[in-house]
Amino acid sequence: MISRTALRATRTALTSPRAVLSVILVAATLASAGCTRPAPEAATQQYFDPYEARNRKIHNFNKGLDKAVLRPVGVAYATVVPEEFATLVTNFGENLATPADVVNDVLQFRLKDAFVNTVRFTMNSTIGLGGLIDAATLWGIPARDTDFGETLYVWGVPEGAYMELPIRGPSTERDTAGRIVDFFTNPLGYVLDSPEKSYGTQARVVSAIGYRGRYADTVDSVLYDSADSYAQSRSIYLQRRHYQLGDIAATSQAEDAYTDPYGAPAASNTYDDPYGDPYAE
């Protein structure tokens, strides 16, 4: 059973395997050295996007993939699959990702968050029927999501240039390095056998497809109704990411504005202009 094995993995979540620690240290070093820094004369630019020409080509590829595959599959999924069942899939995938949150919490020296996420994982894996039900939230213990990109931010690694990744969409050099390391930070990947170790990833992929379908109108307004969908996606992603990291004042109006066209969009599709220079230290 996944839940029993997962619970055993939770007890080791605070101590990463030696191989994982090596990957983390190497990634942090490479990210710190490799993140492109804007020249002083570019300090007044709204965005630091030296790879814009290449990024736009990848953006056009992503739009073509979305139009041909992701959107129709997502809409079909959202139409056929009841929302209640889709929620179970989302809960399952997010629960199996929680041990990675615990590892990142520790690396960020946020021990309270590490404890809360450990409690959440334990509750959801037991009384939450293996994570299908978000029992912890029902008991007033909300999720405290994080990732290695945020860990690099806490460690002082600069954001670097804006990037658009094939399939994954908007990112930055720092977050791209973080996404690579995120493949190795979940302790479950070292204790679960195949195919169980892939269940969480599969559930999150299915969940993302479902989000694409359920929020089709909002995503379409960014990708297909914007005068410049690349600039719009870039603006929205960077605002949303900076807000997550605490770089932007947390106002209710601002919170409604952050919609990631490659993730789970918010209900609102009103987008504000960027808040000054998002790359200012």
C-alpha atoms as a PDB file:
ATOM      1  CA  MET A   1       0.000   0.000   0.000  1.00  0.00           C
ATOM      2  CA  ILE A   2       1.290   3.453  -0.872  1.00  0.00           C
ATOM      3  CA  SER A   3       0.107   5.020   2.346  1.00  0.00           C
ATOM      4  CA  ARG A   4       2.135   2.704   4.620  1.00  0.00           C
ATOM      5  CA  THR A   5       5.288   3.029   2.579  1.00  0.00           C
ATOM      6  CA  ALA A   6       4.776   6.758   2.265  1.00  0.00           C
ATOM      7  CA  LEU A   7       4.480   7.144   6.015  1.00  0.00           C
ATOM      8  CA  ARG A   8       7.783   5.355   6.473  1.00  0.00           C
ATOM      9  CA  ALA A   9       9.309   7.759   3.961  1.00  0.00           C
ATOM     10  CA  THR A  10       8.044  10.739   5.934  1.00  0.00           C
ATOM     11  CA  ARG A  11      10.300   9.813   8.848  1.00  0.00           C
ATOM     12  CA  THR A  12      13.287  10.188   6.523  1.00  0.00           C
ATOM     13  CA  ALA A  13      12.087  13.358   4.808  1.00  0.00           C
ATOM     14  CA  LEU A  14      14.182  15.618   7.016  1.00  0.00           C
ATOM     15  CA  THR A  15      17.399  13.820   6.035  1.00  0.00           C
ATOM     16  CA  SER A  16      18.030  13.779   2.286  1.00  0.00           C
ATOM     17  CA  PRO A  17      20.047  10.902   0.819  1.00  0.00           C
ATOM     18  CA  ARG A  18      23.671  11.681   0.113  1.00  0.00           C
ATOM     19  CA  ALA A  19      23.071  11.616  -3.629  1.00  0.00           C
ATOM     20  CA  VAL A  20      20.230  14.125  -3.298  1.00  0.00           C
ATOM     21  CA  LEU A  21      22.356  16.424  -1.159  1.00  0.00           C
ATOM     22  CA  SER A  22      25.099  16.323  -3.771  1.00  0.00           C
ATOM     23  CA  VAL A  23      22.622  17.211  -6.520  1.00  0.00           C
ATOM     24  CA  ILE A  24      21.241  20.059  -4.425  1.00  0.00           C
ATOM     25  CA  LEU A  25      24.661  21.553  -3.678  1.00  0.00           C
ATOM     26  CA  VAL A  26      25.795  21.246  -7.286  1.00  0.00           C
ATOM     27  CA  ALA A  27      22.542  22.765  -8.545  1.00  0.00           C
ATOM     28  CA  ALA A  28      22.765  25.670  -6.103  1.00  0.00           C
ATOM     29  CA  THR A  29      26.334  26.374  -7.168  1.00  0.00           C
ATOM     30  CA  LEU A  30      25.536  26.159 -10.874  1.00  0.00           C
ATOM     31  CA  ALA A  31      22.387  28.235 -10.471  1.00  0.00           C
ATOM     32  CA  SER A  32      24.231  30.942  -8.567  1.00  0.00           C
ATOM     33  CA  ALA A  33      27.025  31.052 -11.152  1.00  0.00           C
ATOM     34  CA  GLY A  34      24.864  30.513 -14.213  1.00  0.00           C
ATOM     35  CA  CYS A  35      21.959  32.883 -13.675  1.00  0.00           C
ATOM     36  CA  THR A  36      22.377  35.766 -16.089  1.00  0.00           C
ATOM     37  CA  ARG A  37      22.492  39.174 -14.458  1.00  0.00           C
ATOM     38  CA  PRO A  38      21.198  42.322 -16.178  1.00  0.00           C
ATOM     39  CA  ALA A  39      23.755  44.942 -17.085  1.00  0.00           C
ATOM     40  CA  PRO A  40      23.605  48.194 -15.076  1.00  0.00           C
ATOM     41  CA  GLU A  41      22.234  50.077 -18.081  1.00  0.00           C
ATOM     42  CA  ALA A  42      19.316  47.597 -18.219  1.00  0.00           C
ATOM     43  CA  ALA A  43      18.240  48.305 -14.644  1.00  0.00           C
ATOM     44  CA  THR A  44      15.326  50.442 -15.814  1.00  0.00           C
ATOM     45  CA  GLN A  45      13.931  47.782 -18.142  1.00  0.00           C
ATOM     46  CA  GLN A  46      10.627  46.283 -17.146  1.00  0.00           C
ATOM     47  CA  TYR A  47      11.769  42.712 -17.760  1.00  0.00           C
ATOM     48  CA  PHE A  48      15.134  41.045 -18.092  1.00  0.00           C
ATOM     49  CA  ASP A  49      14.572  38.923 -21.178  1.00  0.00           C
ATOM     50  CA  PRO A  50      17.815  38.637 -23.195  1.00  0.00           C
ATOM     51  CA  TYR A  51      16.595  35.394 -24.812  1.00  0.00           C
ATOM     52  CA  GLU A  52      13.339  36.852 -26.107  1.00  0.00           C
ATOM     53  CA  ALA A  53      13.813  35.776 -29.725  1.00  0.00           C
ATOM     54  CA  ARG A  54      14.383  32.157 -28.722  1.00  0.00           C
ATOM     55  CA  ASN A  55      11.691  32.310 -26.059  1.00  0.00           C
ATOM     56  CA  ARG A  56       9.133  33.491 -28.596  1.00  0.00           C
ATOM     57  CA  LYS A  57       9.878  30.519 -30.841  1.00  0.00           C
ATOM     58  CA  ILE A  58       9.340  28.141 -27.917  1.00  0.00           C
ATOM     59  CA  HIS A  59       6.188  30.055 -26.966  1.00  0.00           C
ATOM     60  CA  ASN A  60       4.794  29.559 -30.461  1.00  0.00           C
ATOM     61  CA  PHE A  61       5.612  25.851 -30.217  1.00  0.00           C
ATOM     62  CA  ASN A  62       3.807  25.661 -26.874  1.00  0.00           C
ATOM     63  CA  LYS A  63       0.774  27.434 -28.310  1.00  0.00           C
ATOM     64  CA  GLY A  64       0.666  25.012 -31.210  1.00  0.00           C
ATOM     65  CA  LEU A  65       0.898  22.053 -28.823  1.00  0.00           C
ATOM     66  CA  ASP A  66      -1.802  23.548 -26.635  1.00  0.00           C
ATOM     67  CA  LYS A  67      -4.151  24.133 -29.560  1.00  0.00           C
ATOM     68  CA  ALA A  68      -3.604  20.695 -31.080  1.00  0.00           C
ATOM     69  CA  VAL A  69      -3.425  18.542 -27.949  1.00  0.00           C
ATOM     70  CA  LEU A  70      -3.612  20.082 -24.486  1.00  0.00           C
ATOM     71  CA  ARG A  71      -6.711  22.212 -24.917  1.00  0.00           C
ATOM     72  CA  PRO A  72      -8.929  19.601 -26.617  1.00  0.00           C
ATOM     73  CA  VAL A  73      -7.812  16.861 -24.215  1.00  0.00           C
ATOM     74  CA  GLY A  74      -8.298  19.156 -21.238  1.00  0.00           C
ATOM     75  CA  VAL A  75     -11.762  20.260 -22.325  1.00  0.00           C
ATOM     76  CA  ALA A  76     -12.774  16.648 -22.960  1.00  0.00           C
ATOM     77  CA  TYR A  77     -11.472  15.617 -19.528  1.00  0.00           C
ATOM     78  CA  ALA A  78     -13.287  18.462 -17.781  1.00  0.00           C
ATOM     79  CA  THR A  79     -16.486  17.621 -19.649  1.00  0.00           C
ATOM     80  CA  VAL A  80     -16.467  13.887 -18.993  1.00  0.00           C
ATOM     81  CA  VAL A  81     -14.871  13.621 -15.552  1.00  0.00           C
ATOM     82  CA  PRO A  82     -16.954  14.884 -12.607  1.00  0.00           C
ATOM     83  CA  GLU A  83     -15.286  17.690 -10.666  1.00  0.00           C
ATOM     84  CA  GLU A  84     -15.483  15.639  -7.461  1.00  0.00           C
ATOM     85  CA  PHE A  85     -13.402  12.853  -8.990  1.00  0.00           C
ATOM     86  CA  ALA A  86     -10.944  15.354 -10.465  1.00  0.00           C
ATOM     87  CA  THR A  87     -10.494  16.779  -6.965  1.00  0.00           C
ATOM     88  CA  LEU A  88      -9.589  13.328  -5.652  1.00  0.00           C
ATOM     89  CA  VAL A  89      -6.916  12.989  -8.343  1.00  0.00           C
ATOM     90  CA  THR A  90      -5.536  16.429  -7.495  1.00  0.00           C
ATOM     91  CA  ASN A  91      -5.466  15.650  -3.775  1.00  0.00           C
ATOM     92  CA  PHE A  92      -3.697  12.352  -4.405  1.00  0.00           C
ATOM     93  CA  GLY A  93      -0.956  13.921  -6.515  1.00  0.00           C
ATOM     94  CA  GLU A  94      -0.407  16.844  -4.177  1.00  0.00           C
ATOM     95  CA  ASN A  95      -0.202  14.573  -1.143  1.00  0.00           C
ATOM     96  CA  LEU A  96       2.541  12.465  -2.710  1.00  0.00           C
ATOM     97  CA  ALA A  97       4.458  15.675  -3.456  1.00  0.00           C
ATOM     98  CA  THR A  98       4.322  16.845   0.172  1.00  0.00           C
ATOM     99  CA  PRO A  99       7.526  15.091   1.356  1.00  0.00           C
ATOM    100  CA  ALA A 100       9.442  17.185  -1.186  1.00  0.00           C
ATOM    101  CA  ASP A 101       7.885  20.273   0.406  1.00  0.00           C
ATOM    102  CA  VAL A 102       9.176  19.075   3.776  1.00  0.00           C
ATOM    103  CA  VAL A 103      12.706  18.714   2.400  1.00  0.00           C
ATOM    104  CA  ASN A 104      12.594  22.217   0.913  1.00  0.00           C
ATOM    105  CA  ASP A 105      11.144  23.652   4.124  1.00  0.00           C
ATOM    106  CA  VAL A 106      14.139  22.290   6.015  1.00  0.00           C
ATOM    107  CA  LEU A 107      16.578  23.613   3.407  1.00  0.00           C
ATOM    108  CA  GLN A 108      14.901  27.018   3.780  1.00  0.00           C
ATOM    109  CA  PHE A 109      15.213  26.786   7.604  1.00  0.00           C
ATOM    110  CA  ARG A 110      11.417  27.010   7.920  1.00  0.00           C
ATOM    111  CA  LEU A 111      11.054  24.270  10.479  1.00  0.00           C
ATOM    112  CA  LYS A 112       7.506  25.233  11.439  1.00  0.00           C
ATOM    113  CA  ASP A 113       6.401  24.768   7.827  1.00  0.00           C
ATOM    114  CA  ALA A 114       8.278  21.457   7.717  1.00  0.00           C
ATOM    115  CA  PHE A 115       6.377  20.281  10.793  1.00  0.00           C
ATOM    116  CA  VAL A 116       3.023  21.439   9.395  1.00  0.00           C
ATOM    117  CA  ASN A 117       3.604  19.701   6.064  1.00  0.00           C
ATOM    118  CA  THR A 118       4.689  16.520   7.847  1.00  0.00           C
ATOM    119  CA  VAL A 119       1.469  16.584   9.866  1.00  0.00           C
ATOM    120  CA  ARG A 120      -0.531  17.199   6.700  1.00  0.00           C
ATOM    121  CA  PHE A 121       1.104  14.274   4.923  1.00  0.00           C
ATOM    122  CA  THR A 122       0.517  11.951   7.858  1.00  0.00           C
ATOM    123  CA  MET A 123      -3.147  12.944   8.203  1.00  0.00           C
ATOM    124  CA  ASN A 124      -3.924  12.796   4.499  1.00  0.00           C
ATOM    125  CA  SER A 125      -2.139   9.473   4.037  1.00  0.00           C
ATOM    126  CA  THR A 126      -4.130   7.849   6.850  1.00  0.00           C
ATOM    127  CA  ILE A 127      -7.530   9.328   7.590  1.00  0.00           C
ATOM    128  CA  GLY A 128      -7.460  10.940   4.140  1.00  0.00           C
ATOM    129  CA  LEU A 129      -7.454   7.478   2.495  1.00  0.00           C
ATOM    130  CA  GLY A 130      -4.001   7.624   0.969  1.00  0.00           C
ATOM    131  CA  GLY A 131      -4.299  11.293   0.068  1.00  0.00           C
ATOM    132  CA  LEU A 132      -7.551  11.119  -1.884  1.00  0.00           C
ATOM    133  CA  ILE A 133      -9.162  13.400   0.691  1.00  0.00           C
ATOM    134  CA  ASP A 134      -7.448  16.554   1.941  1.00  0.00           C
ATOM    135  CA  ALA A 135      -8.322  15.814   5.545  1.00  0.00           C
ATOM    136  CA  ALA A 136      -5.713  18.238   6.894  1.00  0.00           C
ATOM    137  CA  THR A 137      -7.332  21.228   5.193  1.00  0.00           C
ATOM    138  CA  LEU A 138     -10.726  20.123   6.463  1.00  0.00           C
ATOM    139  CA  TRP A 139      -9.191  20.185   9.956  1.00  0.00           C
ATOM    140  CA  GLY A 140      -7.879  23.711   9.438  1.00  0.00           C
ATOM    141  CA  ILE A 141      -4.301  22.847   8.402  1.00  0.00           C
ATOM    142  CA  PRO A 142      -3.841  24.323   4.909  1.00  0.00           C
ATOM    143  CA  ALA A 143      -1.032  23.360   2.571  1.00  0.00           C
ATOM    144  CA  ARG A 144       2.270  25.237   2.601  1.00  0.00           C
ATOM    145  CA  ASP A 145       3.551  24.539  -0.889  1.00  0.00           C
ATOM    146  CA  THR A 146       7.111  25.264  -1.887  1.00  0.00           C
ATOM    147  CA  ASP A 147       9.775  24.084  -4.332  1.00  0.00           C
ATOM    148  CA  PHE A 148      13.517  24.168  -4.850  1.00  0.00           C
ATOM    149  CA  GLY A 149      13.231  27.347  -6.902  1.00  0.00           C
ATOM    150  CA  GLU A 150      12.006  29.028  -3.722  1.00  0.00           C
ATOM    151  CA  THR A 151      14.843  27.394  -1.795  1.00  0.00           C
ATOM    152  CA  LEU A 152      17.330  28.983  -4.195  1.00  0.00           C
ATOM    153  CA  TYR A 153      15.539  32.311  -3.690  1.00  0.00           C
ATOM    154  CA  VAL A 154      15.890  31.994   0.079  1.00  0.00           C
ATOM    155  CA  TRP A 155      19.571  31.189  -0.359  1.00  0.00           C
ATOM    156  CA  GLY A 156      20.040  34.421  -2.291  1.00  0.00           C
ATOM    157  CA  VAL A 157      20.457  32.997  -5.791  1.00  0.00           C
ATOM    158  CA  PRO A 158      19.490  35.703  -8.324  1.00  0.00           C
ATOM    159  CA  GLU A 159      16.461  35.131 -10.512  1.00  0.00           C
ATOM    160  CA  GLY A 160      18.349  35.380 -13.775  1.00  0.00           C
ATOM    161  CA  ALA A 161      16.769  35.823 -17.167  1.00  0.00           C
ATOM    162  CA  TYR A 162      13.218  34.996 -18.094  1.00  0.00           C
ATOM    163  CA  MET A 163      12.849  31.708 -19.987  1.00  0.00           C
ATOM    164  CA  GLU A 164      10.086  29.840 -21.746  1.00  0.00           C
ATOM    165  CA  LEU A 165      10.467  26.076 -21.570  1.00  0.00           C
ATOM    166  CA  PRO A 166       9.041  23.577 -24.050  1.00  0.00           C
ATOM    167  CA  ILE A 167       5.728  22.204 -22.713  1.00  0.00           C
ATOM    168  CA  ARG A 168       6.343  23.598 -19.187  1.00  0.00           C
ATOM    169  CA  GLY A 169       5.961  27.199 -20.313  1.00  0.00           C
ATOM    170  CA  PRO A 170       7.148  30.338 -18.471  1.00  0.00           C
ATOM    171  CA  SER A 171      10.076  30.118 -16.075  1.00  0.00           C
ATOM    172  CA  THR A 172      13.308  31.850 -15.085  1.00  0.00           C
ATOM    173  CA  GLU A 173      16.863  30.579 -14.962  1.00  0.00           C
ATOM    174  CA  ARG A 174      16.598  30.112 -11.198  1.00  0.00           C
ATOM    175  CA  ASP A 175      13.255  28.327 -11.364  1.00  0.00           C
ATOM    176  CA  THR A 176      14.465  26.122 -14.207  1.00  0.00           C
ATOM    177  CA  ALA A 177      17.378  24.938 -12.058  1.00  0.00           C
ATOM    178  CA  GLY A 178      14.898  24.406  -9.237  1.00  0.00           C
ATOM    179  CA  ARG A 179      12.600  22.296 -11.388  1.00  0.00           C
ATOM    180  CA  ILE A 180      15.491  20.013 -12.302  1.00  0.00           C
ATOM    181  CA  VAL A 181      16.398  19.462  -8.653  1.00  0.00           C
ATOM    182  CA  ASP A 182      12.726  18.918  -7.763  1.00  0.00           C
ATOM    183  CA  PHE A 183      12.980  15.586  -9.591  1.00  0.00           C
ATOM    184  CA  PHE A 184      15.354  14.373  -6.861  1.00  0.00           C
ATOM    185  CA  THR A 185      14.084  15.964  -3.625  1.00  0.00           C
ATOM    186  CA  ASN A 186      11.076  13.760  -2.933  1.00  0.00           C
ATOM    187  CA  PRO A 187      12.056  10.948  -0.500  1.00  0.00           C
ATOM    188  CA  LEU A 188       9.247   8.780  -1.864  1.00  0.00           C
ATOM    189  CA  GLY A 189      11.222   8.339  -5.050  1.00  0.00           C
ATOM    190  CA  TYR A 190      13.819   6.392  -3.064  1.00  0.00           C
ATOM    191  CA  VAL A 191      11.516   4.124  -1.072  1.00  0.00           C
ATOM    192  CA  LEU A 192       8.647   3.334  -3.439  1.00  0.00           C
ATOM    193  CA  ASP A 193       8.999   0.640  -6.062  1.00  0.00           C
ATOM    194  CA  SER A 194       7.910   0.968  -9.675  1.00  0.00           C
ATOM    195  CA  PRO A 195       5.277   1.721 -10.768  1.00  0.00           C
ATOM    196  CA  GLU A 196       4.146   3.207  -7.447  1.00  0.00           C
ATOM    197  CA  LYS A 197       6.840   5.876  -7.479  1.00  0.00           C
ATOM    198  CA  SER A 198       5.368   7.372 -10.648  1.00  0.00           C
ATOM    199  CA  TYR A 199       1.787   7.590  -9.385  1.00  0.00           C
ATOM    200  CA  GLY A 200       2.193  11.071  -7.932  1.00  0.00           C
ATOM    201  CA  THR A 201       3.664  12.483 -11.143  1.00  0.00           C
ATOM    202  CA  GLN A 202       0.943  10.856 -13.214  1.00  0.00           C
ATOM    203  CA  ALA A 203      -1.758  12.286 -10.966  1.00  0.00           C
ATOM    204  CA  ARG A 204      -0.295  15.793 -11.195  1.00  0.00           C
ATOM    205  CA  VAL A 205      -0.112  15.577 -14.986  1.00  0.00           C
ATOM    206  CA  VAL A 206      -3.744  14.488 -15.166  1.00  0.00           C
ATOM    207  CA  SER A 207      -4.653  17.263 -12.744  1.00  0.00           C
ATOM    208  CA  ALA A 208      -2.885  19.870 -14.894  1.00  0.00           C
ATOM    209  CA  ILE A 209      -4.779  18.653 -17.961  1.00  0.00           C
ATOM    210  CA  GLY A 210      -7.999  18.952 -16.001  1.00  0.00           C
ATOM    211  CA  TYR A 211      -7.161  22.516 -14.976  1.00  0.00           C
ATOM    212  CA  ARG A 212      -6.536  23.385 -18.625  1.00  0.00           C
ATOM    213  CA  GLY A 213     -10.028  22.229 -19.468  1.00  0.00           C
ATOM    214  CA  ARG A 214     -11.865  23.678 -16.477  1.00  0.00           C
ATOM    215  CA  TYR A 215     -10.288  27.117 -16.908  1.00  0.00           C
ATOM    216  CA  ALA A 216     -10.292  27.057 -20.704  1.00  0.00           C
ATOM    217  CA  ASP A 217     -11.871  30.497 -21.109  1.00  0.00           C
ATOM    218  CA  THR A 218      -9.333  32.183 -18.834  1.00  0.00           C
ATOM    219  CA  VAL A 219      -6.330  30.496 -20.432  1.00  0.00           C
ATOM    220  CA  ASP A 220      -7.671  31.138 -23.930  1.00  0.00           C
ATOM    221  CA  SER A 221      -8.004  34.839 -23.122  1.00  0.00           C
ATOM    222  CA  VAL A 222      -4.251  34.932 -22.484  1.00  0.00           C
ATOM    223  CA  LEU A 223      -2.987  32.644 -25.232  1.00  0.00           C
ATOM    224  CA  TYR A 224      -5.387  33.438 -28.065  1.00  0.00           C
ATOM    225  CA  ASP A 225      -7.176  36.722 -27.318  1.00  0.00           C
ATOM    226  CA  SER A 226      -4.164  38.823 -26.282  1.00  0.00           C
ATOM    227  CA  ALA A 227      -2.492  41.197 -28.713  1.00  0.00           C
ATOM    228  CA  ASP A 228       0.835  39.681 -27.652  1.00  0.00           C
ATOM    229  CA  SER A 229       0.350  36.385 -25.829  1.00  0.00           C
ATOM    230  CA  TYR A 230       4.076  36.008 -25.155  1.00  0.00           C
ATOM    231  CA  ALA A 231       4.340  39.348 -23.364  1.00  0.00           C
ATOM    232  CA  GLN A 232       1.099  38.672 -21.494  1.00  0.00           C
ATOM    233  CA  SER A 233       2.235  35.225 -20.341  1.00  0.00           C
ATOM    234  CA  ARG A 234       5.597  36.605 -19.261  1.00  0.00           C
ATOM    235  CA  SER A 235       4.003  39.418 -17.282  1.00  0.00           C
ATOM    236  CA  ILE A 236       1.512  37.148 -15.554  1.00  0.00           C
ATOM    237  CA  TYR A 237       4.063  34.484 -14.675  1.00  0.00           C
ATOM    238  CA  LEU A 238       6.610  36.896 -13.215  1.00  0.00           C
ATOM    239  CA  GLN A 239       3.981  38.791 -11.214  1.00  0.00           C
ATOM    240  CA  ARG A 240       2.564  35.554  -9.862  1.00  0.00           C
ATOM    241  CA  ARG A 241       5.983  34.125  -9.009  1.00  0.00           C
ATOM    242  CA  HIS A 242       7.165  37.303  -7.303  1.00  0.00           C
ATOM    243  CA  TYR A 243       3.946  37.383  -5.338  1.00  0.00           C
ATOM    244  CA  GLN A 244       4.508  33.785  -4.212  1.00  0.00           C
ATOM    245  CA  LEU A 245       8.016  34.665  -3.068  1.00  0.00           C
ATOM    246  CA  GLY A 246       6.861  37.769  -1.231  1.00  0.00           C
ATOM    247  CA  ASP A 247       8.356  40.300  -3.635  1.00  0.00           C
ATOM    248  CA  ILE A 248       5.047  42.028  -4.234  1.00  0.00           C
ATOM    249  CA  ALA A 249       2.739  43.543  -1.606  1.00  0.00           C
ATOM    250  CA  ALA A 250      -0.005  41.085  -0.702  1.00  0.00           C
ATOM    251  CA  THR A 251      -3.169  42.969  -1.524  1.00  0.00           C
ATOM    252  CA  SER A 252      -6.423  41.263  -2.362  1.00  0.00           C
ATOM    253  CA  GLN A 253      -6.510  43.039  -5.716  1.00  0.00           C
ATOM    254  CA  ALA A 254      -3.055  41.817  -6.611  1.00  0.00           C
ATOM    255  CA  GLU A 255      -3.838  38.271  -5.580  1.00  0.00           C
ATOM    256  CA  ASP A 256      -6.741  38.134  -8.016  1.00  0.00           C
ATOM    257  CA  ALA A 257      -4.457  39.248 -10.834  1.00  0.00           C
ATOM    258  CA  TYR A 258      -2.057  36.316 -10.742  1.00  0.00           C
ATOM    259  CA  THR A 259      -3.103  33.747 -13.311  1.00  0.00           C
ATOM    260  CA  ASP A 260      -0.568  31.283 -14.679  1.00  0.00           C
ATOM    261  CA  PRO A 261      -1.636  30.266 -18.207  1.00  0.00           C
ATOM    262  CA  TYR A 262       0.353  27.032 -17.803  1.00  0.00           C
ATOM    263  CA  GLY A 263      -0.913  26.159 -14.349  1.00  0.00           C
ATOM    264  CA  ALA A 264      -4.154  26.488 -12.384  1.00  0.00           C
ATOM    265  CA  PRO A 265      -5.610  29.898 -13.243  1.00  0.00           C
ATOM    266  CA  ALA A 266      -7.525  31.966 -10.755  1.00  0.00           C
ATOM    267  CA  ALA A 267     -11.158  32.739 -11.307  1.00  0.00           C
ATOM    268  CA  SER A 268     -10.447  36.297 -12.387  1.00  0.00           C
ATOM    269  CA  ASN A 269      -9.032  37.145 -15.787  1.00  0.00           C
ATOM    270  CA  THR A 270      -8.197  40.771 -15.004  1.00  0.00           C
ATOM    271  CA  TYR A 271      -4.499  41.458 -15.438  1.00  0.00           C
ATOM    272  CA  ASP A 272      -2.753  44.489 -14.019  1.00  0.00           C
ATOM    273  CA  ASP A 273       0.391  46.021 -15.387  1.00  0.00           C
ATOM    274  CA  PRO A 274       3.665  44.893 -13.804  1.00  0.00           C
ATOM    275  CA  TYR A 275       4.668  46.520 -10.529  1.00  0.00           C
ATOM    276  CA  GLY A 276       7.725  48.545 -11.449  1.00  0.00           C
ATOM    277  CA  ASP A 277      10.967  46.703 -12.020  1.00  0.00           C
ATOM    278  CA  PRO A 278      10.474  43.027 -11.102  1.00  0.00           C
ATOM    279  CA  TYR A 279      14.243  42.455 -11.122  1.00  0.00           C
ATOM    280  CA  ALA A 280      15.183  45.219  -8.715  1.00  0.00           C
ATOM    281  CA  GLU A 281      17.030  43.939  -5.661  1.00  0.00           C
END
